């Protein structure tokens, strides 16, 4: 595991409602598919912790509409 990989993150929509959470991740790329599709005007990604003593890195976020 890379120390800069995000271990624990949350995705919040709208006014802070939790729509996804990963508590122990070790991948460098994640895909979240909402079924049914999520409708919101705002997304927040909260990085809670990484796997090492360095800051976690978030390189890109892509959102696709149906």
N, C-alpha and C. Protein backbone atom coordinates (compact mmCIF):
# COMPACT_ATOMS: atom_id res chain seq x y z
N UNK A 1 0.83 -1.18 0.00
CA UNK A 1 0.00 0.00 0.00
C UNK A 1 0.87 1.25 0.00
N UNK A 2 0.49 2.18 -0.80
CA UNK A 2 1.21 3.45 -0.84
C UNK A 2 0.79 4.31 0.33
N UNK A 3 1.71 4.97 0.97
CA UNK A 3 1.36 5.77 2.15
C UNK A 3 0.43 6.94 1.83
N UNK A 4 0.45 7.42 0.57
CA UNK A 4 -0.41 8.55 0.22
C UNK A 4 -1.81 8.12 -0.22
N UNK A 5 -2.06 6.82 -0.29
CA UNK A 5 -3.39 6.30 -0.64
C UNK A 5 -4.39 6.64 0.46
N UNK A 6 -5.58 6.98 0.04
CA UNK A 6 -6.65 7.27 0.99
C UNK A 6 -7.17 5.96 1.56
N UNK A 7 -7.20 5.85 2.86
CA UNK A 7 -7.72 4.65 3.53
C UNK A 7 -9.20 4.79 3.86
N UNK A 8 -9.59 5.95 4.34
CA UNK A 8 -10.97 6.16 4.79
C UNK A 8 -11.48 7.47 4.20
N UNK A 9 -12.60 7.38 3.48
CA UNK A 9 -13.19 8.61 2.92
C UNK A 9 -14.71 8.52 2.96
N UNK A 10 -15.32 9.70 2.88
CA UNK A 10 -16.78 9.82 2.83
C UNK A 10 -17.16 10.72 1.67
N UNK A 11 -18.31 10.43 1.07
CA UNK A 11 -18.87 11.29 0.03
C UNK A 11 -20.20 11.79 0.55
N UNK A 12 -20.34 13.11 0.56
CA UNK A 12 -21.57 13.74 1.06
C UNK A 12 -22.21 14.52 -0.08
N UNK A 13 -23.52 14.53 -0.11
CA UNK A 13 -24.25 15.23 -1.17
C UNK A 13 -25.16 16.28 -0.55
N UNK A 14 -25.53 17.24 -1.39
CA UNK A 14 -26.47 18.27 -0.96
C UNK A 14 -26.01 18.99 0.28
N UNK A 15 -26.79 18.93 1.32
CA UNK A 15 -26.49 19.63 2.57
C UNK A 15 -25.80 18.73 3.59
N UNK A 16 -24.97 17.82 3.12
CA UNK A 16 -24.18 17.01 4.03
C UNK A 16 -24.68 15.61 4.29
N UNK A 17 -25.62 15.12 3.47
CA UNK A 17 -26.09 13.75 3.70
C UNK A 17 -25.05 12.75 3.16
N UNK A 18 -24.74 11.77 3.96
CA UNK A 18 -23.75 10.76 3.60
C UNK A 18 -24.32 9.85 2.52
N UNK A 19 -23.65 9.77 1.36
CA UNK A 19 -24.13 8.92 0.27
C UNK A 19 -23.18 7.76 -0.02
N UNK A 20 -21.94 7.82 0.45
CA UNK A 20 -20.99 6.72 0.28
C UNK A 20 -19.88 6.87 1.31
N UNK A 21 -19.35 5.72 1.75
CA UNK A 21 -18.23 5.75 2.69
C UNK A 21 -17.40 4.49 2.48
N UNK A 22 -16.11 4.64 2.48
CA UNK A 22 -15.16 3.53 2.41
C UNK A 22 -14.28 3.65 3.64
N UNK A 23 -14.29 2.64 4.51
CA UNK A 23 -13.55 2.75 5.76
C UNK A 23 -12.17 2.11 5.72
N UNK A 24 -11.95 1.16 4.82
CA UNK A 24 -10.61 0.59 4.71
C UNK A 24 -10.33 0.27 3.26
N UNK A 25 -9.80 1.24 2.55
CA UNK A 25 -9.52 1.08 1.13
C UNK A 25 -8.02 1.04 0.91
N UNK A 26 -7.58 0.27 -0.06
CA UNK A 26 -6.16 0.22 -0.39
C UNK A 26 -5.92 0.38 -1.89
N UNK A 27 -6.95 0.75 -2.64
CA UNK A 27 -6.83 0.94 -4.08
C UNK A 27 -6.47 2.39 -4.40
N UNK A 28 -5.83 2.60 -5.53
CA UNK A 28 -5.52 3.96 -5.95
C UNK A 28 -6.65 4.55 -6.79
N UNK A 29 -7.59 3.71 -7.21
CA UNK A 29 -8.72 4.18 -8.01
C UNK A 29 -10.00 3.52 -7.49
N UNK A 30 -11.04 4.33 -7.31
CA UNK A 30 -12.33 3.82 -6.84
C UNK A 30 -13.43 4.26 -7.79
N UNK A 31 -14.43 3.42 -7.94
CA UNK A 31 -15.62 3.75 -8.72
C UNK A 31 -16.83 3.56 -7.81
N UNK A 32 -17.66 4.58 -7.76
CA UNK A 32 -18.90 4.51 -6.99
C UNK A 32 -20.04 4.68 -7.98
N UNK A 33 -20.92 3.69 -8.05
CA UNK A 33 -22.09 3.76 -8.92
C UNK A 33 -23.34 3.77 -8.04
N UNK A 34 -24.18 4.76 -8.23
CA UNK A 34 -25.39 4.90 -7.44
C UNK A 34 -26.57 4.29 -8.20
N UNK A 35 -27.31 3.42 -7.52
CA UNK A 35 -28.47 2.80 -8.12
C UNK A 35 -29.61 2.88 -7.13
N UNK A 36 -30.57 3.76 -7.33
CA UNK A 36 -30.80 4.60 -8.49
C UNK A 36 -29.80 5.75 -8.56
N UNK A 37 -29.71 6.41 -9.71
CA UNK A 37 -28.76 7.52 -9.86
C UNK A 37 -28.99 8.61 -8.81
N UNK A 38 -27.90 9.20 -8.38
CA UNK A 38 -27.94 10.25 -7.37
C UNK A 38 -28.20 11.59 -8.04
N UNK A 39 -29.15 12.34 -7.52
CA UNK A 39 -29.43 13.69 -8.02
C UNK A 39 -29.07 14.67 -6.92
N UNK A 40 -28.11 15.56 -7.21
CA UNK A 40 -27.68 16.54 -6.21
C UNK A 40 -27.08 17.74 -6.92
N UNK A 41 -26.97 18.82 -6.21
CA UNK A 41 -26.32 20.01 -6.76
C UNK A 41 -24.93 20.22 -6.14
N UNK A 42 -24.53 19.31 -5.24
CA UNK A 42 -23.26 19.51 -4.53
C UNK A 42 -22.72 18.18 -4.06
N UNK A 43 -21.41 17.99 -4.19
CA UNK A 43 -20.72 16.82 -3.62
C UNK A 43 -19.53 17.29 -2.81
N UNK A 44 -19.35 16.73 -1.65
CA UNK A 44 -18.16 16.95 -0.83
C UNK A 44 -17.47 15.60 -0.67
N UNK A 45 -16.16 15.59 -0.79
CA UNK A 45 -15.38 14.38 -0.53
C UNK A 45 -14.52 14.68 0.67
N UNK A 46 -14.75 13.92 1.72
CA UNK A 46 -14.05 14.12 2.98
C UNK A 46 -13.01 13.01 3.14
N UNK A 47 -11.75 13.37 3.12
CA UNK A 47 -10.68 12.40 3.32
C UNK A 47 -10.40 12.34 4.81
N UNK A 48 -10.63 11.17 5.38
CA UNK A 48 -10.50 10.99 6.83
C UNK A 48 -9.09 10.57 7.20
N UNK A 49 -8.51 9.60 6.47
CA UNK A 49 -7.16 9.14 6.80
C UNK A 49 -6.48 8.48 5.60
N UNK A 50 -5.16 8.41 5.68
CA UNK A 50 -4.36 7.73 4.65
C UNK A 50 -3.67 6.53 5.29
N UNK A 51 -2.83 5.86 4.51
CA UNK A 51 -2.13 4.68 5.02
C UNK A 51 -0.77 5.00 5.63
N UNK A 52 -0.38 6.23 5.62
CA UNK A 52 0.93 6.57 6.16
C UNK A 52 0.95 7.94 6.79
N UNK A 53 2.13 8.38 7.20
CA UNK A 53 2.25 9.66 7.88
C UNK A 53 2.31 10.86 6.94
N UNK A 54 1.98 10.67 5.67
CA UNK A 54 1.99 11.77 4.70
C UNK A 54 0.55 12.13 4.35
N UNK A 55 0.31 13.34 3.85
CA UNK A 55 -1.05 13.71 3.46
C UNK A 55 -1.56 12.82 2.33
N UNK A 56 -2.83 12.48 2.37
CA UNK A 56 -3.45 11.71 1.30
C UNK A 56 -3.57 12.57 0.06
N UNK A 57 -3.58 11.93 -1.10
CA UNK A 57 -3.66 12.66 -2.36
C UNK A 57 -4.93 12.28 -3.11
N UNK A 58 -5.67 13.28 -3.56
CA UNK A 58 -6.83 13.10 -4.41
C UNK A 58 -6.52 13.77 -5.73
N UNK A 59 -6.41 12.98 -6.79
CA UNK A 59 -5.95 13.50 -8.07
C UNK A 59 -7.09 13.91 -9.00
N UNK A 60 -8.22 13.22 -8.95
CA UNK A 60 -9.31 13.55 -9.88
C UNK A 60 -10.63 13.02 -9.35
N UNK A 61 -11.69 13.70 -9.75
CA UNK A 61 -13.05 13.25 -9.48
C UNK A 61 -13.82 13.42 -10.78
N UNK A 62 -14.49 12.38 -11.20
CA UNK A 62 -15.29 12.44 -12.43
C UNK A 62 -16.72 12.05 -12.09
N UNK A 63 -17.66 12.84 -12.60
CA UNK A 63 -19.08 12.57 -12.39
C UNK A 63 -19.75 12.49 -13.75
N UNK A 64 -20.55 11.47 -13.93
CA UNK A 64 -21.22 11.27 -15.20
C UNK A 64 -22.73 11.21 -14.97
N UNK A 65 -23.48 11.84 -15.85
CA UNK A 65 -24.93 11.81 -15.77
C UNK A 65 -25.52 10.75 -16.66
N UNK A 66 -26.69 10.32 -16.31
CA UNK A 66 -27.36 9.28 -17.11
C UNK A 66 -28.28 9.93 -18.13
